[in-house]
Amino acid sequence: MSVENVDQKPKLCRNCGGLVGKDDNRCSECGAFSPAHSKLQLWCGTIIFLVFFGLILKTCVSYDGDPFTSEDKRLGEHCLDVWSGAHPEFMSEIKSRMRDPKSFEHVKTRITPRDENGQHVIYMEYRAQNGFGGMNNATAKGIVNNETCQHTIALIQ
């Protein structure tokens, strides 16, 4: 370590663990080149990594404003929740008509392709607690508008 570097905080060599002056390019103990990273090098490396990761993510996930294809819309999938597969408003209305909405368990939702009137038929299977404390399986059927995704309940069994 040189005399000028005495007041500067020393760094540890990545190779041997010896002390390296802030401006030294070589470890005085083992002779390794660039033995320690400066904070600037670490920040630059982090920024480069994040930019690179962001570019890769952008190429993998392209979003054009509408994530659903025309086939998804024909099949009615654009009206269903991506995670649960349920129609959120349809499910909420069924729950609001129940004696014990907290017991509601969504099983699955099926939706038919769009018909000539621009509508889908939706079927939702669910479980709920009856008046005696037992769980019953039930099905709700409704109509969903393809453009607005608004629903109408047709039948609850």
N, C-alpha and C. Protein backbone atom coordinates (compact mmCIF):
# COMPACT_ATOMS: atom_id res chain seq x y z
N MET A 1 0.84 -1.16 0.00
CA MET A 1 0.00 0.00 0.00
C MET A 1 0.89 1.23 0.00
N SER A 2 0.55 2.20 -0.84
CA SER A 2 1.37 3.41 -0.93
C SER A 2 1.01 4.39 0.17
N VAL A 3 1.87 5.39 0.37
CA VAL A 3 1.68 6.37 1.45
C VAL A 3 0.44 7.23 1.20
N GLU A 4 0.13 7.54 -0.08
CA GLU A 4 -1.02 8.37 -0.38
C GLU A 4 -2.34 7.71 0.03
N ASN A 5 -2.37 6.39 0.08
CA ASN A 5 -3.60 5.65 0.34
C ASN A 5 -3.84 5.37 1.82
N VAL A 6 -3.00 5.92 2.71
CA VAL A 6 -3.10 5.62 4.13
C VAL A 6 -4.43 6.10 4.70
N ASP A 7 -4.92 7.30 4.30
CA ASP A 7 -6.15 7.84 4.83
C ASP A 7 -7.40 7.22 4.20
N GLN A 8 -7.21 6.57 3.06
CA GLN A 8 -8.35 5.97 2.37
C GLN A 8 -8.66 4.61 2.97
N LYS A 9 -9.92 4.24 2.93
CA LYS A 9 -10.36 2.98 3.50
C LYS A 9 -9.86 1.83 2.63
N PRO A 10 -9.12 0.88 3.19
CA PRO A 10 -8.65 -0.25 2.38
C PRO A 10 -9.78 -1.24 2.11
N LYS A 11 -9.58 -2.04 1.05
CA LYS A 11 -10.54 -3.08 0.68
C LYS A 11 -9.87 -4.43 0.84
N LEU A 12 -10.68 -5.47 0.90
CA LEU A 12 -10.15 -6.82 1.01
C LEU A 12 -9.99 -7.44 -0.37
N CYS A 13 -8.92 -8.15 -0.57
CA CYS A 13 -8.67 -8.86 -1.83
C CYS A 13 -9.64 -10.03 -1.93
N ARG A 14 -10.26 -10.19 -3.09
CA ARG A 14 -11.19 -11.30 -3.30
C ARG A 14 -10.45 -12.64 -3.35
N ASN A 15 -9.17 -12.58 -3.67
CA ASN A 15 -8.39 -13.79 -3.87
C ASN A 15 -7.82 -14.34 -2.55
N CYS A 16 -7.15 -13.46 -1.78
CA CYS A 16 -6.46 -13.96 -0.58
C CYS A 16 -6.97 -13.35 0.72
N GLY A 17 -7.75 -12.27 0.65
CA GLY A 17 -8.26 -11.63 1.85
C GLY A 17 -7.34 -10.56 2.40
N GLY A 18 -6.23 -10.29 1.72
CA GLY A 18 -5.29 -9.25 2.17
C GLY A 18 -5.86 -7.86 1.93
N LEU A 19 -5.25 -6.87 2.57
CA LEU A 19 -5.69 -5.49 2.41
C LEU A 19 -5.15 -4.90 1.11
N VAL A 20 -6.02 -4.16 0.41
CA VAL A 20 -5.66 -3.54 -0.86
C VAL A 20 -6.06 -2.08 -0.77
N GLY A 21 -5.15 -1.17 -1.16
CA GLY A 21 -5.47 0.25 -1.16
C GLY A 21 -6.56 0.56 -2.17
N LYS A 22 -7.25 1.69 -1.95
CA LYS A 22 -8.39 2.04 -2.80
C LYS A 22 -8.00 2.20 -4.26
N ASP A 23 -6.83 2.78 -4.53
CA ASP A 23 -6.41 3.03 -5.91
C ASP A 23 -5.46 1.98 -6.45
N ASP A 24 -5.14 0.98 -5.68
CA ASP A 24 -4.21 -0.07 -6.15
C ASP A 24 -4.93 -1.02 -7.10
N ASN A 25 -4.21 -1.39 -8.16
CA ASN A 25 -4.76 -2.34 -9.13
C ASN A 25 -4.31 -3.76 -8.87
N ARG A 26 -3.38 -3.90 -7.92
CA ARG A 26 -2.82 -5.21 -7.64
C ARG A 26 -2.72 -5.45 -6.14
N CYS A 27 -3.02 -6.68 -5.73
CA CYS A 27 -2.89 -7.04 -4.32
C CYS A 27 -1.41 -7.17 -3.98
N SER A 28 -0.98 -6.53 -2.88
CA SER A 28 0.43 -6.59 -2.49
C SER A 28 0.78 -7.96 -1.90
N GLU A 29 -0.22 -8.73 -1.46
CA GLU A 29 0.02 -10.04 -0.84
C GLU A 29 0.13 -11.16 -1.88
N CYS A 30 -0.88 -11.25 -2.79
CA CYS A 30 -0.91 -12.37 -3.74
C CYS A 30 -0.63 -11.95 -5.18
N GLY A 31 -0.64 -10.65 -5.44
CA GLY A 31 -0.35 -10.16 -6.78
C GLY A 31 -1.52 -10.22 -7.75
N ALA A 32 -2.74 -10.49 -7.28
CA ALA A 32 -3.90 -10.59 -8.18
C ALA A 32 -4.24 -9.21 -8.74
N PHE A 33 -4.57 -9.16 -10.03
CA PHE A 33 -4.99 -7.92 -10.67
C PHE A 33 -6.44 -7.61 -10.29
N SER A 34 -6.78 -6.33 -10.18
CA SER A 34 -8.13 -5.88 -9.81
C SER A 34 -8.70 -6.74 -8.70
N PRO A 35 -8.02 -6.79 -7.55
CA PRO A 35 -8.42 -7.71 -6.49
C PRO A 35 -9.69 -7.32 -5.75
N ALA A 36 -10.13 -6.07 -5.85
CA ALA A 36 -11.31 -5.66 -5.11
C ALA A 36 -12.22 -4.83 -6.01
N HIS A 37 -13.51 -4.93 -5.76
CA HIS A 37 -14.50 -4.15 -6.52
C HIS A 37 -14.74 -2.82 -5.81
N SER A 38 -14.82 -1.77 -6.59
CA SER A 38 -15.20 -0.48 -6.00
C SER A 38 -16.72 -0.41 -5.99
N LYS A 39 -17.26 0.54 -5.22
CA LYS A 39 -18.71 0.72 -5.18
C LYS A 39 -19.24 1.11 -6.54
N LEU A 40 -18.46 1.92 -7.28
CA LEU A 40 -18.89 2.33 -8.61
C LEU A 40 -19.01 1.12 -9.54
N GLN A 41 -18.04 0.21 -9.45
CA GLN A 41 -18.11 -1.00 -10.28
C GLN A 41 -19.33 -1.84 -9.92
N LEU A 42 -19.63 -1.95 -8.63
CA LEU A 42 -20.79 -2.74 -8.21
C LEU A 42 -22.09 -2.11 -8.70
N TRP A 43 -22.21 -0.78 -8.58
CA TRP A 43 -23.42 -0.09 -9.04
C TRP A 43 -23.56 -0.20 -10.55
N CYS A 44 -22.47 -0.02 -11.27
CA CYS A 44 -22.53 -0.14 -12.74
C CYS A 44 -22.92 -1.55 -13.15
N GLY A 45 -22.36 -2.54 -12.48
CA GLY A 45 -22.71 -3.93 -12.78
C GLY A 45 -24.17 -4.22 -12.50
N THR A 46 -24.68 -3.68 -11.41
CA THR A 46 -26.09 -3.87 -11.06
C THR A 46 -27.00 -3.23 -12.10
N ILE A 47 -26.66 -2.00 -12.50
CA ILE A 47 -27.48 -1.30 -13.50
C ILE A 47 -27.45 -2.03 -14.84
N ILE A 48 -26.28 -2.49 -15.26
CA ILE A 48 -26.18 -3.24 -16.52
C ILE A 48 -27.01 -4.51 -16.44
N PHE A 49 -26.94 -5.21 -15.31
CA PHE A 49 -27.73 -6.44 -15.15
C PHE A 49 -29.23 -6.14 -15.24
N LEU A 50 -29.68 -5.09 -14.55
CA LEU A 50 -31.11 -4.76 -14.55
C LEU A 50 -31.60 -4.35 -15.94
N VAL A 51 -30.79 -3.58 -16.67
CA VAL A 51 -31.16 -3.20 -18.03
C VAL A 51 -31.23 -4.44 -18.92
N PHE A 52 -30.24 -5.32 -18.81
CA PHE A 52 -30.23 -6.55 -19.60
C PHE A 52 -31.44 -7.42 -19.27
N PHE A 53 -31.74 -7.57 -17.97
CA PHE A 53 -32.88 -8.37 -17.54
C PHE A 53 -34.18 -7.76 -18.06
N GLY A 54 -34.29 -6.43 -18.00
CA GLY A 54 -35.49 -5.75 -18.50
C GLY A 54 -35.69 -5.95 -19.98
N LEU A 55 -34.61 -5.92 -20.75
CA LEU A 55 -34.71 -6.14 -22.20
C LEU A 55 -35.16 -7.57 -22.51
N ILE A 56 -34.62 -8.53 -21.77
CA ILE A 56 -35.03 -9.92 -21.97
C ILE A 56 -36.50 -10.09 -21.61
N LEU A 57 -36.91 -9.50 -20.50
CA LEU A 57 -38.31 -9.60 -20.06
C LEU A 57 -39.24 -8.95 -21.08
N LYS A 58 -38.83 -7.82 -21.64
CA LYS A 58 -39.67 -7.13 -22.62
C LYS A 58 -39.84 -7.97 -23.88
N THR A 59 -38.79 -8.66 -24.31
CA THR A 59 -38.92 -9.48 -25.52
C THR A 59 -39.76 -10.73 -25.26
N CYS A 60 -39.74 -11.22 -24.02
CA CYS A 60 -40.53 -12.42 -23.69
C CYS A 60 -42.00 -12.10 -23.51
N VAL A 61 -42.31 -10.93 -22.98
CA VAL A 61 -43.68 -10.55 -22.69
C VAL A 61 -44.00 -9.31 -23.51
N SER A 62 -44.63 -9.51 -24.65
CA SER A 62 -45.03 -8.35 -25.45
C SER A 62 -46.49 -8.06 -25.17
N TYR A 63 -46.79 -6.82 -24.87
CA TYR A 63 -48.15 -6.43 -24.53
C TYR A 63 -48.58 -5.33 -25.50
N ASP A 64 -49.58 -5.59 -26.30
CA ASP A 64 -50.05 -4.64 -27.30
C ASP A 64 -51.31 -3.92 -26.84
N GLY A 65 -51.63 -3.93 -25.57
CA GLY A 65 -52.81 -3.26 -25.06
C GLY A 65 -53.98 -4.21 -24.85
N ASP A 66 -54.07 -5.28 -25.60
CA ASP A 66 -55.15 -6.25 -25.45
C ASP A 66 -54.52 -7.64 -25.44
N PRO A 67 -54.43 -8.27 -24.27
CA PRO A 67 -53.75 -9.55 -24.18
C PRO A 67 -54.52 -10.72 -24.79
N PHE A 68 -55.79 -10.50 -25.18
CA PHE A 68 -56.61 -11.59 -25.68
C PHE A 68 -56.67 -11.58 -27.20
N THR A 69 -56.53 -12.75 -27.78
CA THR A 69 -56.63 -12.88 -29.22
C THR A 69 -58.11 -12.94 -29.62
N SER A 70 -58.36 -12.85 -30.92
CA SER A 70 -59.74 -12.94 -31.38
C SER A 70 -60.32 -14.32 -31.07
N GLU A 71 -59.47 -15.34 -31.05
CA GLU A 71 -59.94 -16.69 -30.70
C GLU A 71 -60.34 -16.75 -29.22
N ASP A 72 -59.55 -16.11 -28.34
CA ASP A 72 -59.90 -16.05 -26.92
C ASP A 72 -61.27 -15.38 -26.74
N LYS A 73 -61.50 -14.31 -27.50
CA LYS A 73 -62.77 -13.60 -27.39
C LYS A 73 -63.92 -14.43 -27.95
N ARG A 74 -63.68 -15.16 -29.02
CA ARG A 74 -64.73 -16.03 -29.58
C ARG A 74 -65.12 -17.10 -28.56
N LEU A 75 -64.12 -17.61 -27.85
CA LEU A 75 -64.37 -18.66 -26.86
C LEU A 75 -64.88 -18.12 -25.52
N GLY A 76 -64.83 -16.80 -25.33
CA GLY A 76 -65.33 -16.20 -24.10
C GLY A 76 -64.32 -16.13 -22.98
N GLU A 77 -63.08 -16.51 -23.23
CA GLU A 77 -62.07 -16.54 -22.17
C GLU A 77 -61.69 -15.15 -21.68
N HIS A 78 -61.93 -14.12 -22.48
CA HIS A 78 -61.61 -12.76 -22.06
C HIS A 78 -62.53 -12.27 -20.94
N CYS A 79 -63.64 -12.96 -20.72
CA CYS A 79 -64.57 -12.57 -19.65
C CYS A 79 -64.27 -13.27 -18.33
N LEU A 80 -63.35 -14.23 -18.35
CA LEU A 80 -63.04 -15.00 -17.14
C LEU A 80 -61.76 -14.50 -16.49
N ASP A 81 -61.69 -14.65 -15.19
CA ASP A 81 -60.50 -14.27 -14.43
C ASP A 81 -59.34 -15.16 -14.83
N VAL A 82 -58.18 -14.56 -15.04
CA VAL A 82 -57.00 -15.30 -15.49
C VAL A 82 -56.55 -16.33 -14.46
N TRP A 83 -56.64 -16.01 -13.18
CA TRP A 83 -56.12 -16.90 -12.14
C TRP A 83 -57.10 -17.98 -11.73
N SER A 84 -58.34 -17.60 -11.45
CA SER A 84 -59.30 -18.58 -10.93
C SER A 84 -60.12 -19.24 -12.02
N GLY A 85 -60.21 -18.62 -13.19
CA GLY A 85 -61.03 -19.16 -14.26
C GLY A 85 -62.51 -18.86 -14.09
N ALA A 86 -62.87 -18.06 -13.10
CA ALA A 86 -64.27 -17.74 -12.83
C ALA A 86 -64.64 -16.39 -13.46
N HIS A 87 -65.93 -16.17 -13.61
CA HIS A 87 -66.44 -14.86 -14.03
C HIS A 87 -66.70 -14.11 -12.73
N PRO A 88 -65.89 -13.10 -12.39
CA PRO A 88 -65.97 -12.49 -11.05
C PRO A 88 -67.35 -11.94 -10.68
N GLU A 89 -68.01 -11.24 -11.59
CA GLU A 89 -69.32 -10.66 -11.25
C GLU A 89 -70.39 -11.73 -11.11
N PHE A 90 -70.34 -12.74 -11.98
CA PHE A 90 -71.28 -13.86 -11.92
C PHE A 90 -71.14 -14.56 -10.56
N MET A 91 -69.90 -14.81 -10.17
CA MET A 91 -69.62 -15.48 -8.91
C MET A 91 -70.10 -14.62 -7.73
N SER A 92 -69.87 -13.32 -7.79
CA SER A 92 -70.30 -12.42 -6.70
C SER A 92 -71.82 -12.41 -6.55
N GLU A 93 -72.52 -12.43 -7.67
CA GLU A 93 -73.97 -12.41 -7.58
C GLU A 93 -74.50 -13.72 -7.00
N ILE A 94 -73.91 -14.85 -7.38
CA ILE A 94 -74.32 -16.14 -6.81
C ILE A 94 -74.08 -16.12 -5.30
N LYS A 95 -72.91 -15.65 -4.89
CA LYS A 95 -72.59 -15.59 -3.46
C LYS A 95 -73.56 -14.69 -2.71
N SER A 96 -73.98 -13.59 -3.32
CA SER A 96 -74.88 -12.66 -2.63
C SER A 96 -76.27 -13.27 -2.41
N ARG A 97 -76.62 -14.28 -3.17
CA ARG A 97 -77.93 -14.92 -3.02
C ARG A 97 -77.90 -16.09 -2.04
N MET A 98 -76.73 -16.41 -1.50
CA MET A 98 -76.60 -17.57 -0.62
C MET A 98 -76.92 -17.22 0.83
N ARG A 99 -77.30 -18.23 1.59
CA ARG A 99 -77.57 -18.07 3.02
C ARG A 99 -76.26 -17.79 3.77
N ASP A 100 -75.19 -18.52 3.38
CA ASP A 100 -73.90 -18.34 4.03
C ASP A 100 -72.83 -18.12 2.95
N PRO A 101 -72.65 -16.89 2.49
CA PRO A 101 -71.70 -16.61 1.41
C PRO A 101 -70.26 -16.97 1.75
N LYS A 102 -69.92 -17.00 3.03
CA LYS A 102 -68.54 -17.34 3.42
C LYS A 102 -68.21 -18.80 3.14
N SER A 103 -69.22 -19.64 3.00
CA SER A 103 -68.98 -21.07 2.76
C SER A 103 -68.77 -21.37 1.27
N PHE A 104 -68.90 -20.38 0.42
CA PHE A 104 -68.78 -20.56 -1.03
C PHE A 104 -67.38 -21.03 -1.41
N GLU A 105 -67.31 -22.07 -2.24
CA GLU A 105 -66.04 -22.56 -2.81
C GLU A 105 -66.24 -22.76 -4.30
N HIS A 106 -65.52 -22.00 -5.11
CA HIS A 106 -65.59 -22.14 -6.56
C HIS A 106 -64.91 -23.44 -6.97
N VAL A 107 -65.57 -24.26 -7.78
CA VAL A 107 -64.99 -25.50 -8.27
C VAL A 107 -64.43 -25.28 -9.67
N LYS A 108 -65.30 -24.92 -10.62
CA LYS A 108 -64.83 -24.61 -11.96
C LYS A 108 -65.91 -23.86 -12.73
N THR A 109 -65.46 -23.18 -13.77
CA THR A 109 -66.37 -22.44 -14.63
C THR A 109 -66.09 -22.85 -16.07
N ARG A 110 -67.15 -23.12 -16.80
CA ARG A 110 -67.05 -23.42 -18.24
C ARG A 110 -67.85 -22.37 -18.99
N ILE A 111 -67.39 -22.01 -20.18
CA ILE A 111 -68.09 -21.03 -20.99
C ILE A 111 -68.11 -21.52 -22.42
N THR A 112 -69.26 -21.39 -23.09
CA THR A 112 -69.38 -21.86 -24.47
C THR A 112 -68.86 -20.80 -25.44
N PRO A 113 -68.50 -21.20 -26.64
CA PRO A 113 -68.11 -20.21 -27.65
C PRO A 113 -69.26 -19.25 -27.95
N ARG A 114 -68.93 -18.09 -28.45
CA ARG A 114 -69.92 -17.06 -28.79
C ARG A 114 -70.91 -17.60 -29.82
N ASP A 115 -72.20 -17.34 -29.61
CA ASP A 115 -73.21 -17.77 -30.58
C ASP A 115 -73.47 -16.64 -31.58
N GLU A 116 -74.45 -16.84 -32.47
CA GLU A 116 -74.74 -15.84 -33.51
C GLU A 116 -75.29 -14.53 -32.94
N ASN A 117 -75.76 -14.55 -31.68
CA ASN A 117 -76.26 -13.33 -31.02
C ASN A 117 -75.17 -12.60 -30.22
N GLY A 118 -73.95 -13.12 -30.28
CA GLY A 118 -72.86 -12.50 -29.53
C GLY A 118 -72.89 -12.80 -28.05
N GLN A 119 -73.43 -13.98 -27.69
CA GLN A 119 -73.53 -14.34 -26.29
C GLN A 119 -72.88 -15.68 -26.02
N HIS A 120 -72.49 -15.88 -24.78
CA HIS A 120 -71.92 -17.14 -24.30
C HIS A 120 -72.85 -17.69 -23.22
N VAL A 121 -72.87 -19.01 -23.10
CA VAL A 121 -73.56 -19.64 -21.97
C VAL A 121 -72.45 -20.00 -20.98
N ILE A 122 -72.66 -19.63 -19.72
CA ILE A 122 -71.66 -19.89 -18.69
C ILE A 122 -72.23 -20.86 -17.66
N TYR A 123 -71.39 -21.82 -17.26
CA TYR A 123 -71.76 -22.79 -16.22
C TYR A 123 -70.71 -22.70 -15.13
N MET A 124 -71.16 -22.52 -13.90
CA MET A 124 -70.23 -22.46 -12.77
C MET A 124 -70.61 -23.53 -11.75
N GLU A 125 -69.66 -24.39 -11.45
CA GLU A 125 -69.86 -25.39 -10.40
C GLU A 125 -69.23 -24.85 -9.12
N TYR A 126 -69.93 -25.03 -8.01
CA TYR A 126 -69.43 -24.54 -6.73
C TYR A 126 -69.95 -25.41 -5.60
N ARG A 127 -69.36 -25.22 -4.43
CA ARG A 127 -69.78 -25.91 -3.22
C ARG A 127 -70.16 -24.85 -2.20
N ALA A 128 -71.17 -25.17 -1.40
CA ALA A 128 -71.60 -24.24 -0.35
C ALA A 128 -72.26 -25.02 0.78
N GLN A 129 -72.28 -24.45 1.94
CA GLN A 129 -72.87 -25.09 3.11
C GLN A 129 -74.38 -24.96 3.09
N ASN A 130 -75.06 -26.07 3.38
CA ASN A 130 -76.52 -26.02 3.46
C ASN A 130 -76.96 -25.64 4.87
N GLY A 131 -78.26 -25.59 5.10
CA GLY A 131 -78.81 -25.18 6.39
C GLY A 131 -78.47 -26.12 7.54
N PHE A 132 -78.06 -27.35 7.24
CA PHE A 132 -77.73 -28.33 8.27
C PHE A 132 -76.23 -28.42 8.53
N GLY A 133 -75.44 -27.60 7.84
CA GLY A 133 -73.99 -27.60 8.05
C GLY A 133 -73.22 -28.48 7.08
N GLY A 134 -73.92 -29.23 6.24
CA GLY A 134 -73.25 -30.07 5.24
C GLY A 134 -72.91 -29.26 4.00
N MET A 135 -71.99 -29.78 3.21
CA MET A 135 -71.60 -29.09 1.97
C MET A 135 -72.35 -29.70 0.80
N ASN A 136 -72.93 -28.87 -0.03
CA ASN A 136 -73.64 -29.30 -1.24
C ASN A 136 -72.89 -28.82 -2.47
N ASN A 137 -72.95 -29.62 -3.52
CA ASN A 137 -72.44 -29.21 -4.82
C ASN A 137 -73.60 -28.58 -5.57
N ALA A 138 -73.33 -27.52 -6.29
CA ALA A 138 -74.38 -26.83 -7.04
C ALA A 138 -73.82 -26.30 -8.34
N THR A 139 -74.72 -25.97 -9.26
CA THR A 139 -74.35 -25.40 -10.56
C THR A 139 -75.20 -24.18 -10.83
N ALA A 140 -74.56 -23.17 -11.37
CA ALA A 140 -75.30 -21.97 -11.79
C ALA A 140 -75.06 -21.81 -13.29
N LYS A 141 -76.11 -21.39 -14.00
CA LYS A 141 -76.03 -21.20 -15.44
C LYS A 141 -76.43 -19.77 -15.74
N GLY A 142 -75.77 -19.18 -16.73
CA GLY A 142 -76.11 -17.81 -17.09
C GLY A 142 -75.73 -17.50 -18.53
N ILE A 143 -76.03 -16.31 -18.93
CA ILE A 143 -75.71 -15.80 -20.26
C ILE A 143 -74.74 -14.64 -20.08
N VAL A 144 -73.69 -14.60 -20.91
CA VAL A 144 -72.69 -13.54 -20.84
C VAL A 144 -72.60 -12.87 -22.21
N ASN A 145 -72.65 -11.55 -22.21
CA ASN A 145 -72.51 -10.78 -23.44
C ASN A 145 -71.03 -10.76 -23.83
N ASN A 146 -70.72 -11.07 -25.09
CA ASN A 146 -69.34 -11.17 -25.53
C ASN A 146 -68.61 -9.82 -25.49
N GLU A 147 -69.28 -8.74 -25.81
CA GLU A 147 -68.62 -7.43 -25.88
C GLU A 147 -68.40 -6.82 -24.50
N THR A 148 -69.40 -6.86 -23.66
CA THR A 148 -69.33 -6.18 -22.36
C THR A 148 -68.99 -7.11 -21.20
N CYS A 149 -69.11 -8.41 -21.41
CA CYS A 149 -68.92 -9.43 -20.37
C CYS A 149 -69.96 -9.33 -19.25
N GLN A 150 -71.05 -8.61 -19.49
CA GLN A 150 -72.14 -8.53 -18.52
C GLN A 150 -72.88 -9.85 -18.51
N HIS A 151 -73.38 -10.25 -17.38
CA HIS A 151 -74.02 -11.55 -17.23
C HIS A 151 -75.49 -11.42 -16.83
N THR A 152 -76.21 -12.49 -17.06
CA THR A 152 -77.59 -12.65 -16.58
C THR A 152 -77.69 -14.07 -16.04
N ILE A 153 -78.15 -14.21 -14.81
CA ILE A 153 -78.32 -15.56 -14.24
C ILE A 153 -79.58 -16.16 -14.79
N ALA A 154 -79.44 -17.39 -15.31
CA ALA A 154 -80.59 -18.09 -15.87
C ALA A 154 -81.12 -19.15 -14.93
N LEU A 155 -80.21 -19.84 -14.22
CA LEU A 155 -80.66 -20.98 -13.42
C LEU A 155 -79.62 -21.26 -12.33
N ILE A 156 -80.10 -21.55 -11.12
CA ILE A 156 -79.24 -22.01 -10.04
C ILE A 156 -79.79 -23.33 -9.56
N GLN A 157 -79.00 -24.37 -9.63
CA GLN A 157 -79.45 -25.71 -9.19
C GLN A 157 -78.74 -26.09 -7.92
